[in-house]
Amino acid sequence: MITSFLLGIFFTILGVSRRKRNFLYKFFIVLGIILILFAVYLARPH
């Protein structure tokens, strides 16, 4: 859960910082948001 959250933050920041230089920035932003949402889903009480 923590790893997914940290990777999500990393990929989102990476995508935002490279949005002017690289065409894959959308992929990194979407991947980061998916990982953050997955971490939030795992953190919910079941």
PDB file of N, CA and C in Angstrom:
ATOM      1  N   MET A   1       0.830  -1.180   0.000  1.00  0.00           N
ATOM      2  CA  MET A   1       0.000   0.000   0.000  1.00  0.00           C
ATOM      3  C   MET A   1       0.884   1.258   0.000  1.00  0.00           C
ATOM      4  N   ILE A   2       1.856   1.284   0.875  1.00  0.00           N
ATOM      5  CA  ILE A   2       2.739   2.451   0.958  1.00  0.00           C
ATOM      6  C   ILE A   2       3.589   2.560  -0.307  1.00  0.00           C
ATOM      7  N   THR A   3       4.058   1.416  -0.797  1.00  0.00           N
ATOM      8  CA  THR A   3       4.866   1.422  -2.018  1.00  0.00           C
ATOM      9  C   THR A   3       4.053   1.929  -3.202  1.00  0.00           C
ATOM     10  N   SER A   4       2.809   1.484  -3.293  1.00  0.00           N
ATOM     11  CA  SER A   4       1.944   1.933  -4.375  1.00  0.00           C
ATOM     12  C   SER A   4       1.703   3.434  -4.294  1.00  0.00           C
ATOM     13  N   PHE A   5       1.494   3.938  -3.085  1.00  0.00           N
ATOM     14  CA  PHE A   5       1.262   5.364  -2.901  1.00  0.00           C
ATOM     15  C   PHE A   5       2.495   6.176  -3.287  1.00  0.00           C
ATOM     16  N   LEU A   6       3.665   5.739  -2.840  1.00  0.00           N
ATOM     17  CA  LEU A   6       4.900   6.463  -3.147  1.00  0.00           C
ATOM     18  C   LEU A   6       5.228   6.415  -4.643  1.00  0.00           C
ATOM     19  N   LEU A   7       5.030   5.261  -5.258  1.00  0.00           N
ATOM     20  CA  LEU A   7       5.258   5.163  -6.705  1.00  0.00           C
ATOM     21  C   LEU A   7       4.275   6.040  -7.479  1.00  0.00           C
ATOM     22  N   GLY A   8       3.042   6.095  -7.006  1.00  0.00           N
ATOM     23  CA  GLY A   8       2.040   6.948  -7.644  1.00  0.00           C
ATOM     24  C   GLY A   8       2.435   8.407  -7.586  1.00  0.00           C
ATOM     25  N   ILE A   9       2.903   8.849  -6.437  1.00  0.00           N
ATOM     26  CA  ILE A   9       3.362  10.232  -6.311  1.00  0.00           C
ATOM     27  C   ILE A   9       4.569  10.478  -7.213  1.00  0.00           C
ATOM     28  N   PHE A  10       5.505   9.530  -7.231  1.00  0.00           N
ATOM     29  CA  PHE A  10       6.702   9.670  -8.058  1.00  0.00           C
ATOM     30  C   PHE A  10       6.353   9.783  -9.541  1.00  0.00           C
ATOM     31  N   PHE A  11       5.483   8.886 -10.027  1.00  0.00           N
ATOM     32  CA  PHE A  11       5.137   8.910 -11.448  1.00  0.00           C
ATOM     33  C   PHE A  11       4.350  10.159 -11.818  1.00  0.00           C
ATOM     34  N   THR A  12       3.503  10.625 -10.909  1.00  0.00           N
ATOM     35  CA  THR A  12       2.743  11.837 -11.193  1.00  0.00           C
ATOM     36  C   THR A  12       3.671  13.046 -11.285  1.00  0.00           C
ATOM     37  N   ILE A  13       4.596  13.169 -10.345  1.00  0.00           N
ATOM     38  CA  ILE A  13       5.544  14.278 -10.378  1.00  0.00           C
ATOM     39  C   ILE A  13       6.445  14.174 -11.605  1.00  0.00           C
ATOM     40  N   LEU A  14       6.875  12.962 -11.936  1.00  0.00           N
ATOM     41  CA  LEU A  14       7.706  12.762 -13.120  1.00  0.00           C
ATOM     42  C   LEU A  14       6.969  13.180 -14.392  1.00  0.00           C
ATOM     43  N   GLY A  15       5.709  12.805 -14.490  1.00  0.00           N
ATOM     44  CA  GLY A  15       4.921  13.174 -15.666  1.00  0.00           C
ATOM     45  C   GLY A  15       4.710  14.666 -15.778  1.00  0.00           C
ATOM     46  N   VAL A  16       4.439  15.328 -14.654  1.00  0.00           N
ATOM     47  CA  VAL A  16       4.213  16.775 -14.683  1.00  0.00           C
ATOM     48  C   VAL A  16       5.509  17.512 -15.005  1.00  0.00           C
ATOM     49  N   SER A  17       6.626  17.045 -14.459  1.00  0.00           N
ATOM     50  CA  SER A  17       7.880  17.747 -14.699  1.00  0.00           C
ATOM     51  C   SER A  17       8.398  17.562 -16.121  1.00  0.00           C
ATOM     52  N   ARG A  18       8.033  16.484 -16.796  1.00  0.00           N
ATOM     53  CA  ARG A  18       8.518  16.217 -18.153  1.00  0.00           C
ATOM     54  C   ARG A  18       7.474  16.494 -19.225  1.00  0.00           C
ATOM     55  N   ARG A  19       6.434  17.222 -18.900  1.00  0.00           N
ATOM     56  CA  ARG A  19       5.357  17.403 -19.869  1.00  0.00           C
ATOM     57  C   ARG A  19       5.754  18.224 -21.081  1.00  0.00           C
ATOM     58  N   LYS A  20       6.786  19.036 -20.982  1.00  0.00           N
ATOM     59  CA  LYS A  20       7.197  19.845 -22.129  1.00  0.00           C
ATOM     60  C   LYS A  20       8.256  19.166 -22.977  1.00  0.00           C
ATOM     61  N   ARG A  21       8.921  18.147 -22.429  1.00  0.00           N
ATOM     62  CA  ARG A  21      10.032  17.509 -23.147  1.00  0.00           C
ATOM     63  C   ARG A  21       9.678  16.149 -23.728  1.00  0.00           C
ATOM     64  N   ASN A  22       8.674  15.506 -23.209  1.00  0.00           N
ATOM     65  CA  ASN A  22       8.428  14.116 -23.570  1.00  0.00           C
ATOM     66  C   ASN A  22       6.948  13.931 -23.901  1.00  0.00           C
ATOM     67  N   PHE A  23       6.662  13.042 -24.840  1.00  0.00           N
ATOM     68  CA  PHE A  23       5.277  12.789 -25.192  1.00  0.00           C
ATOM     69  C   PHE A  23       4.647  11.704 -24.316  1.00  0.00           C
ATOM     70  N   LEU A  24       5.430  11.046 -23.473  1.00  0.00           N
ATOM     71  CA  LEU A  24       4.898  10.009 -22.590  1.00  0.00           C
ATOM     72  C   LEU A  24       4.405  10.551 -21.253  1.00  0.00           C
ATOM     73  N   TYR A  25       4.371  11.878 -21.103  1.00  0.00           N
ATOM     74  CA  TYR A  25       3.999  12.434 -19.814  1.00  0.00           C
ATOM     75  C   TYR A  25       2.574  12.056 -19.415  1.00  0.00           C
ATOM     76  N   LYS A  26       1.671  11.932 -20.371  1.00  0.00           N
ATOM     77  CA  LYS A  26       0.290  11.540 -20.057  1.00  0.00           C
ATOM     78  C   LYS A  26       0.250  10.147 -19.456  1.00  0.00           C
ATOM     79  N   PHE A  27       1.069   9.252 -19.983  1.00  0.00           N
ATOM     80  CA  PHE A  27       1.129   7.888 -19.461  1.00  0.00           C
ATOM     81  C   PHE A  27       1.588   7.885 -18.006  1.00  0.00           C
ATOM     82  N   PHE A  28       2.628   8.667 -17.701  1.00  0.00           N
ATOM     83  CA  PHE A  28       3.138   8.709 -16.338  1.00  0.00           C
ATOM     84  C   PHE A  28       2.122   9.317 -15.372  1.00  0.00           C
ATOM     85  N   ILE A  29       1.424  10.358 -15.802  1.00  0.00           N
ATOM     86  CA  ILE A  29       0.426  10.992 -14.943  1.00  0.00           C
ATOM     87  C   ILE A  29      -0.725  10.030 -14.673  1.00  0.00           C
ATOM     88  N   VAL A  30      -1.212   9.358 -15.702  1.00  0.00           N
ATOM     89  CA  VAL A  30      -2.316   8.414 -15.528  1.00  0.00           C
ATOM     90  C   VAL A  30      -1.882   7.236 -14.662  1.00  0.00           C
ATOM     91  N   LEU A  31      -0.687   6.717 -14.892  1.00  0.00           N
ATOM     92  CA  LEU A  31      -0.182   5.613 -14.077  1.00  0.00           C
ATOM     93  C   LEU A  31      -0.053   6.032 -12.614  1.00  0.00           C
ATOM     94  N   GLY A  32       0.433   7.229 -12.370  1.00  0.00           N
ATOM     95  CA  GLY A  32       0.567   7.726 -11.004  1.00  0.00           C
ATOM     96  C   GLY A  32      -0.769   7.867 -10.308  1.00  0.00           C
ATOM     97  N   ILE A  33      -1.763   8.388 -11.009  1.00  0.00           N
ATOM     98  CA  ILE A  33      -3.093   8.547 -10.412  1.00  0.00           C
ATOM     99  C   ILE A  33      -3.714   7.195 -10.126  1.00  0.00           C
ATOM    100  N   ILE A  34      -3.537   6.235 -11.021  1.00  0.00           N
ATOM    101  CA  ILE A  34      -4.075   4.887 -10.800  1.00  0.00           C
ATOM    102  C   ILE A  34      -3.431   4.253  -9.578  1.00  0.00           C
ATOM    103  N   LEU A  35      -2.118   4.398  -9.427  1.00  0.00           N
ATOM    104  CA  LEU A  35      -1.441   3.826  -8.266  1.00  0.00           C
ATOM    105  C   LEU A  35      -1.877   4.494  -6.964  1.00  0.00           C
ATOM    106  N   ILE A  36      -2.092   5.799  -6.986  1.00  0.00           N
ATOM    107  CA  ILE A  36      -2.568   6.496  -5.781  1.00  0.00           C
ATOM    108  C   ILE A  36      -3.972   6.026  -5.421  1.00  0.00           C
ATOM    109  N   LEU A  37      -4.838   5.902  -6.418  1.00  0.00           N
ATOM    110  CA  LEU A  37      -6.193   5.415  -6.144  1.00  0.00           C
ATOM    111  C   LEU A  37      -6.190   3.980  -5.644  1.00  0.00           C
ATOM    112  N   PHE A  38      -5.296   3.158  -6.169  1.00  0.00           N
ATOM    113  CA  PHE A  38      -5.176   1.775  -5.707  1.00  0.00           C
ATOM    114  C   PHE A  38      -4.708   1.731  -4.246  1.00  0.00           C
ATOM    115  N   ALA A  39      -3.772   2.623  -3.897  1.00  0.00           N
ATOM    116  CA  ALA A  39      -3.283   2.672  -2.508  1.00  0.00           C
ATOM    117  C   ALA A  39      -4.405   3.129  -1.570  1.00  0.00           C
ATOM    118  N   VAL A  40      -5.209   4.078  -1.999  1.00  0.00           N
ATOM    119  CA  VAL A  40      -6.325   4.530  -1.176  1.00  0.00           C
ATOM    120  C   VAL A  40      -7.345   3.405  -1.008  1.00  0.00           C
ATOM    121  N   TYR A  41      -7.588   2.641  -2.066  1.00  0.00           N
ATOM    122  CA  TYR A  41      -8.500   1.507  -1.992  1.00  0.00           C
ATOM    123  C   TYR A  41      -7.988   0.454  -0.995  1.00  0.00           C
ATOM    124  N   LEU A  42      -6.681   0.196  -1.026  1.00  0.00           N
ATOM    125  CA  LEU A  42      -6.118  -0.782  -0.087  1.00  0.00           C
ATOM    126  C   LEU A  42      -6.124  -0.270   1.348  1.00  0.00           C
ATOM    127  N   ALA A  43      -6.085   1.032   1.546  1.00  0.00           N
ATOM    128  CA  ALA A  43      -6.047   1.595   2.894  1.00  0.00           C
ATOM    129  C   ALA A  43      -7.416   1.656   3.553  1.00  0.00           C
ATOM    130  N   ARG A  44      -8.467   1.520   2.769  1.00  0.00           N
ATOM    131  CA  ARG A  44      -9.822   1.562   3.334  1.00  0.00           C
ATOM    132  C   ARG A  44     -10.025   0.412   4.303  1.00  0.00           C
ATOM    133  N   PRO A  45     -10.793   0.640   5.353  1.00  0.00           N
ATOM    134  CA  PRO A  45     -11.140  -0.490   6.223  1.00  0.00           C
ATOM    135  C   PRO A  45     -12.138  -1.411   5.516  1.00  0.00           C
ATOM    136  N   HIS A  46     -11.905  -2.671   5.637  1.00  0.00           N
ATOM    137  CA  HIS A  46     -12.775  -3.635   4.945  1.00  0.00           C
ATOM    138  C   HIS A  46     -13.791  -4.225   5.881  1.00  0.00           C
TER     139      HIS A  46
END
